[in-house]
């Protein structure tokens, strides 16, 4: 079965940077699409960015445009999210998610990694 494990979350000062990683295991073939979501306390989960695995085309929320580049390493089965110019509003649990081949919705999720940005 597919398993996603996020890492890299930490407490960081406003204006600082972090790099989040997502390792996926349990698959024979590459995913169709992978992305990042986040959920702040008492808030609904929101979309951050994702990427079409085969061609690298990415989509992103306006709130992170220009700050959070996404990247991948096919050979290592890894997805990354570089968090730059962090703001307190970015504080949330960040989740990695995956859409399998022939899927239409995100159906595999990691446990999340906490990012806390202090003022």
C-alpha atoms as a PDB file:
ATOM      1  CA  UNK A   1       0.000   0.000   0.000  1.00  0.00           C
ATOM      2  CA  UNK A   2       1.111   3.559  -0.621  1.00  0.00           C
ATOM      3  CA  UNK A   3       2.703   5.316   2.307  1.00  0.00           C
ATOM      4  CA  UNK A   4       3.723   8.962   2.491  1.00  0.00           C
ATOM      5  CA  UNK A   5       6.029  10.328   5.166  1.00  0.00           C
ATOM      6  CA  UNK A   6       6.675  14.044   5.571  1.00  0.00           C
ATOM      7  CA  UNK A   7       9.625  15.569   7.354  1.00  0.00           C
ATOM      8  CA  UNK A   8      11.373  18.896   7.783  1.00  0.00           C
ATOM      9  CA  UNK A   9       8.882  20.872   9.814  1.00  0.00           C
ATOM     10  CA  UNK A  10      10.237  23.011  12.617  1.00  0.00           C
ATOM     11  CA  UNK A  11       9.925  26.205  14.595  1.00  0.00           C
ATOM     12  CA  UNK A  12      11.409  29.053  12.595  1.00  0.00           C
ATOM     13  CA  UNK A  13      11.602  32.819  12.847  1.00  0.00           C
ATOM     14  CA  UNK A  14       9.552  34.948  10.478  1.00  0.00           C
ATOM     15  CA  UNK A  15      11.493  35.524   7.294  1.00  0.00           C
ATOM     16  CA  UNK A  16      13.320  32.248   7.603  1.00  0.00           C
ATOM     17  CA  UNK A  17      13.230  29.160   5.426  1.00  0.00           C
ATOM     18  CA  UNK A  18      12.542  25.460   5.703  1.00  0.00           C
ATOM     19  CA  UNK A  19      12.615  22.568   3.293  1.00  0.00           C
ATOM     20  CA  UNK A  20       9.928  19.938   3.611  1.00  0.00           C
ATOM     21  CA  UNK A  21      10.353  16.456   2.232  1.00  0.00           C
ATOM     22  CA  UNK A  22       7.870  13.752   1.376  1.00  0.00           C
ATOM     23  CA  UNK A  23       8.985  10.202   0.785  1.00  0.00           C
ATOM     24  CA  UNK A  24       6.564   7.823  -0.852  1.00  0.00           C
ATOM     25  CA  UNK A  25       6.837   4.056  -0.721  1.00  0.00           C
ATOM     26  CA  UNK A  26       4.843   0.998  -1.602  1.00  0.00           C
ATOM     27  CA  UNK A  27       4.325   1.733  -5.282  1.00  0.00           C
ATOM     28  CA  UNK A  28       5.666   0.108  -8.384  1.00  0.00           C
ATOM     29  CA  UNK A  29       4.845   2.977 -10.723  1.00  0.00           C
ATOM     30  CA  UNK A  30       5.245   6.716 -10.414  1.00  0.00           C
ATOM     31  CA  UNK A  31       2.270   8.705  -9.134  1.00  0.00           C
ATOM     32  CA  UNK A  32       0.156  10.795 -11.457  1.00  0.00           C
ATOM     33  CA  UNK A  33       0.123  13.864  -9.244  1.00  0.00           C
ATOM     34  CA  UNK A  34       1.535  14.847  -5.872  1.00  0.00           C
ATOM     35  CA  UNK A  35       1.145  17.931  -3.801  1.00  0.00           C
ATOM     36  CA  UNK A  36       1.165  19.771  -0.532  1.00  0.00           C
ATOM     37  CA  UNK A  37      -1.714  20.907   1.625  1.00  0.00           C
ATOM     38  CA  UNK A  38      -1.758  22.611   4.986  1.00  0.00           C
ATOM     39  CA  UNK A  39      -4.101  23.007   7.895  1.00  0.00           C
ATOM     40  CA  UNK A  40      -3.861  25.742  10.496  1.00  0.00           C
ATOM     41  CA  UNK A  41      -5.458  25.351  13.933  1.00  0.00           C
ATOM     42  CA  UNK A  42      -9.247  25.529  13.730  1.00  0.00           C
ATOM     43  CA  UNK A  43      -9.061  25.978   9.974  1.00  0.00           C
ATOM     44  CA  UNK A  44      -9.983  23.751   7.083  1.00  0.00           C
ATOM     45  CA  UNK A  45      -7.269  22.062   5.128  1.00  0.00           C
ATOM     46  CA  UNK A  46      -6.185  24.130   2.144  1.00  0.00           C
ATOM     47  CA  UNK A  47      -4.355  23.452  -1.055  1.00  0.00           C
ATOM     48  CA  UNK A  48      -0.817  24.824  -1.323  1.00  0.00           C
ATOM     49  CA  UNK A  49       0.852  23.424  -4.425  1.00  0.00           C
ATOM     50  CA  UNK A  50       0.986  20.303  -6.516  1.00  0.00           C
ATOM     51  CA  UNK A  51       2.782  18.901  -9.502  1.00  0.00           C
ATOM     52  CA  UNK A  52       2.013  16.627 -12.412  1.00  0.00           C
ATOM     53  CA  UNK A  53       4.640  13.978 -11.942  1.00  0.00           C
ATOM     54  CA  UNK A  54       5.343  13.109 -15.534  1.00  0.00           C
ATOM     55  CA  UNK A  55       5.951  16.588 -16.925  1.00  0.00           C
ATOM     56  CA  UNK A  56       6.627  18.757 -13.888  1.00  0.00           C
ATOM     57  CA  UNK A  57       3.796  21.211 -14.475  1.00  0.00           C
ATOM     58  CA  UNK A  58       2.811  22.714 -11.157  1.00  0.00           C
ATOM     59  CA  UNK A  59      -0.164  24.538  -9.687  1.00  0.00           C
ATOM     60  CA  UNK A  60      -0.128  26.771  -6.666  1.00  0.00           C
ATOM     61  CA  UNK A  61      -2.250  28.880  -4.382  1.00  0.00           C
ATOM     62  CA  UNK A  62      -1.956  32.652  -4.642  1.00  0.00           C
ATOM     63  CA  UNK A  63      -0.865  32.863  -1.017  1.00  0.00           C
ATOM     64  CA  UNK A  64       2.404  31.052  -1.718  1.00  0.00           C
ATOM     65  CA  UNK A  65       3.156  32.195  -5.248  1.00  0.00           C
ATOM     66  CA  UNK A  66       6.808  33.084  -5.584  1.00  0.00           C
ATOM     67  CA  UNK A  67       7.724  31.823  -2.121  1.00  0.00           C
ATOM     68  CA  UNK A  68       7.300  28.036  -2.115  1.00  0.00           C
ATOM     69  CA  UNK A  69       8.967  26.299  -5.036  1.00  0.00           C
ATOM     70  CA  UNK A  70       8.118  22.626  -5.409  1.00  0.00           C
ATOM     71  CA  UNK A  71      10.489  20.001  -6.730  1.00  0.00           C
ATOM     72  CA  UNK A  72      10.840  16.256  -7.019  1.00  0.00           C
ATOM     73  CA  UNK A  73      13.388  13.496  -7.333  1.00  0.00           C
ATOM     74  CA  UNK A  74      12.003  10.568  -9.278  1.00  0.00           C
ATOM     75  CA  UNK A  75      14.944   8.292  -8.566  1.00  0.00           C
ATOM     76  CA  UNK A  76      14.613   8.766  -4.814  1.00  0.00           C
ATOM     77  CA  UNK A  77      10.806   8.788  -4.717  1.00  0.00           C
ATOM     78  CA  UNK A  78      10.841  12.184  -3.059  1.00  0.00           C
ATOM     79  CA  UNK A  79       8.799  15.346  -3.242  1.00  0.00           C
ATOM     80  CA  UNK A  80      10.052  18.606  -1.768  1.00  0.00           C
ATOM     81  CA  UNK A  81       8.611  21.927  -0.791  1.00  0.00           C
ATOM     82  CA  UNK A  82      10.957  24.828  -0.161  1.00  0.00           C
ATOM     83  CA  UNK A  83       9.403  27.318   2.238  1.00  0.00           C
ATOM     84  CA  UNK A  84      10.927  30.768   1.875  1.00  0.00           C
ATOM     85  CA  UNK A  85      10.165  34.132   3.441  1.00  0.00           C
ATOM     86  CA  UNK A  86       7.995  32.465   6.016  1.00  0.00           C
ATOM     87  CA  UNK A  87       5.263  34.401   7.747  1.00  0.00           C
ATOM     88  CA  UNK A  88       3.348  33.635  10.941  1.00  0.00           C
ATOM     89  CA  UNK A  89       0.317  33.008   8.724  1.00  0.00           C
ATOM     90  CA  UNK A  90       2.160  30.033   7.248  1.00  0.00           C
ATOM     91  CA  UNK A  91       1.979  28.215  10.568  1.00  0.00           C
ATOM     92  CA  UNK A  92       0.186  24.938   9.961  1.00  0.00           C
ATOM     93  CA  UNK A  93       0.533  21.219   9.673  1.00  0.00           C
ATOM     94  CA  UNK A  94       1.760  20.520   6.169  1.00  0.00           C
ATOM     95  CA  UNK A  95       0.571  17.362   4.447  1.00  0.00           C
ATOM     96  CA  UNK A  96       1.889  15.529   1.444  1.00  0.00           C
ATOM     97  CA  UNK A  97      -0.674  13.836  -0.789  1.00  0.00           C
ATOM     98  CA  UNK A  98      -0.772  11.688  -3.888  1.00  0.00           C
ATOM     99  CA  UNK A  99      -3.103  10.825  -6.732  1.00  0.00           C
ATOM    100  CA  UNK A 100      -2.474   7.397  -8.168  1.00  0.00           C
ATOM    101  CA  UNK A 101      -2.578   6.620 -11.859  1.00  0.00           C
ATOM    102  CA  UNK A 102      -6.153   6.832 -13.163  1.00  0.00           C
ATOM    103  CA  UNK A 103      -7.240   8.636 -10.008  1.00  0.00           C
ATOM    104  CA  UNK A 104      -9.065  11.966  -9.960  1.00  0.00           C
ATOM    105  CA  UNK A 105      -8.831  12.990  -6.301  1.00  0.00           C
ATOM    106  CA  UNK A 106      -6.129  12.911  -3.672  1.00  0.00           C
ATOM    107  CA  UNK A 107      -6.585   9.610  -1.899  1.00  0.00           C
ATOM    108  CA  UNK A 108      -3.242   9.010  -0.174  1.00  0.00           C
ATOM    109  CA  UNK A 109      -2.018  11.245   2.611  1.00  0.00           C
ATOM    110  CA  UNK A 110       0.879  11.503   4.995  1.00  0.00           C
ATOM    111  CA  UNK A 111       0.590  12.236   8.699  1.00  0.00           C
ATOM    112  CA  UNK A 112       1.812  15.796   8.335  1.00  0.00           C
ATOM    113  CA  UNK A 113       4.710  17.831   9.631  1.00  0.00           C
ATOM    114  CA  UNK A 114       4.334  20.877  11.850  1.00  0.00           C
ATOM    115  CA  UNK A 115       5.638  24.223  10.663  1.00  0.00           C
ATOM    116  CA  UNK A 116       5.539  27.011  13.217  1.00  0.00           C
ATOM    117  CA  UNK A 117       6.617  30.526  12.309  1.00  0.00           C
ATOM    118  CA  UNK A 118       7.236  32.923  15.161  1.00  0.00           C
ATOM    119  CA  UNK A 119       7.005  36.682  14.869  1.00  0.00           C
END
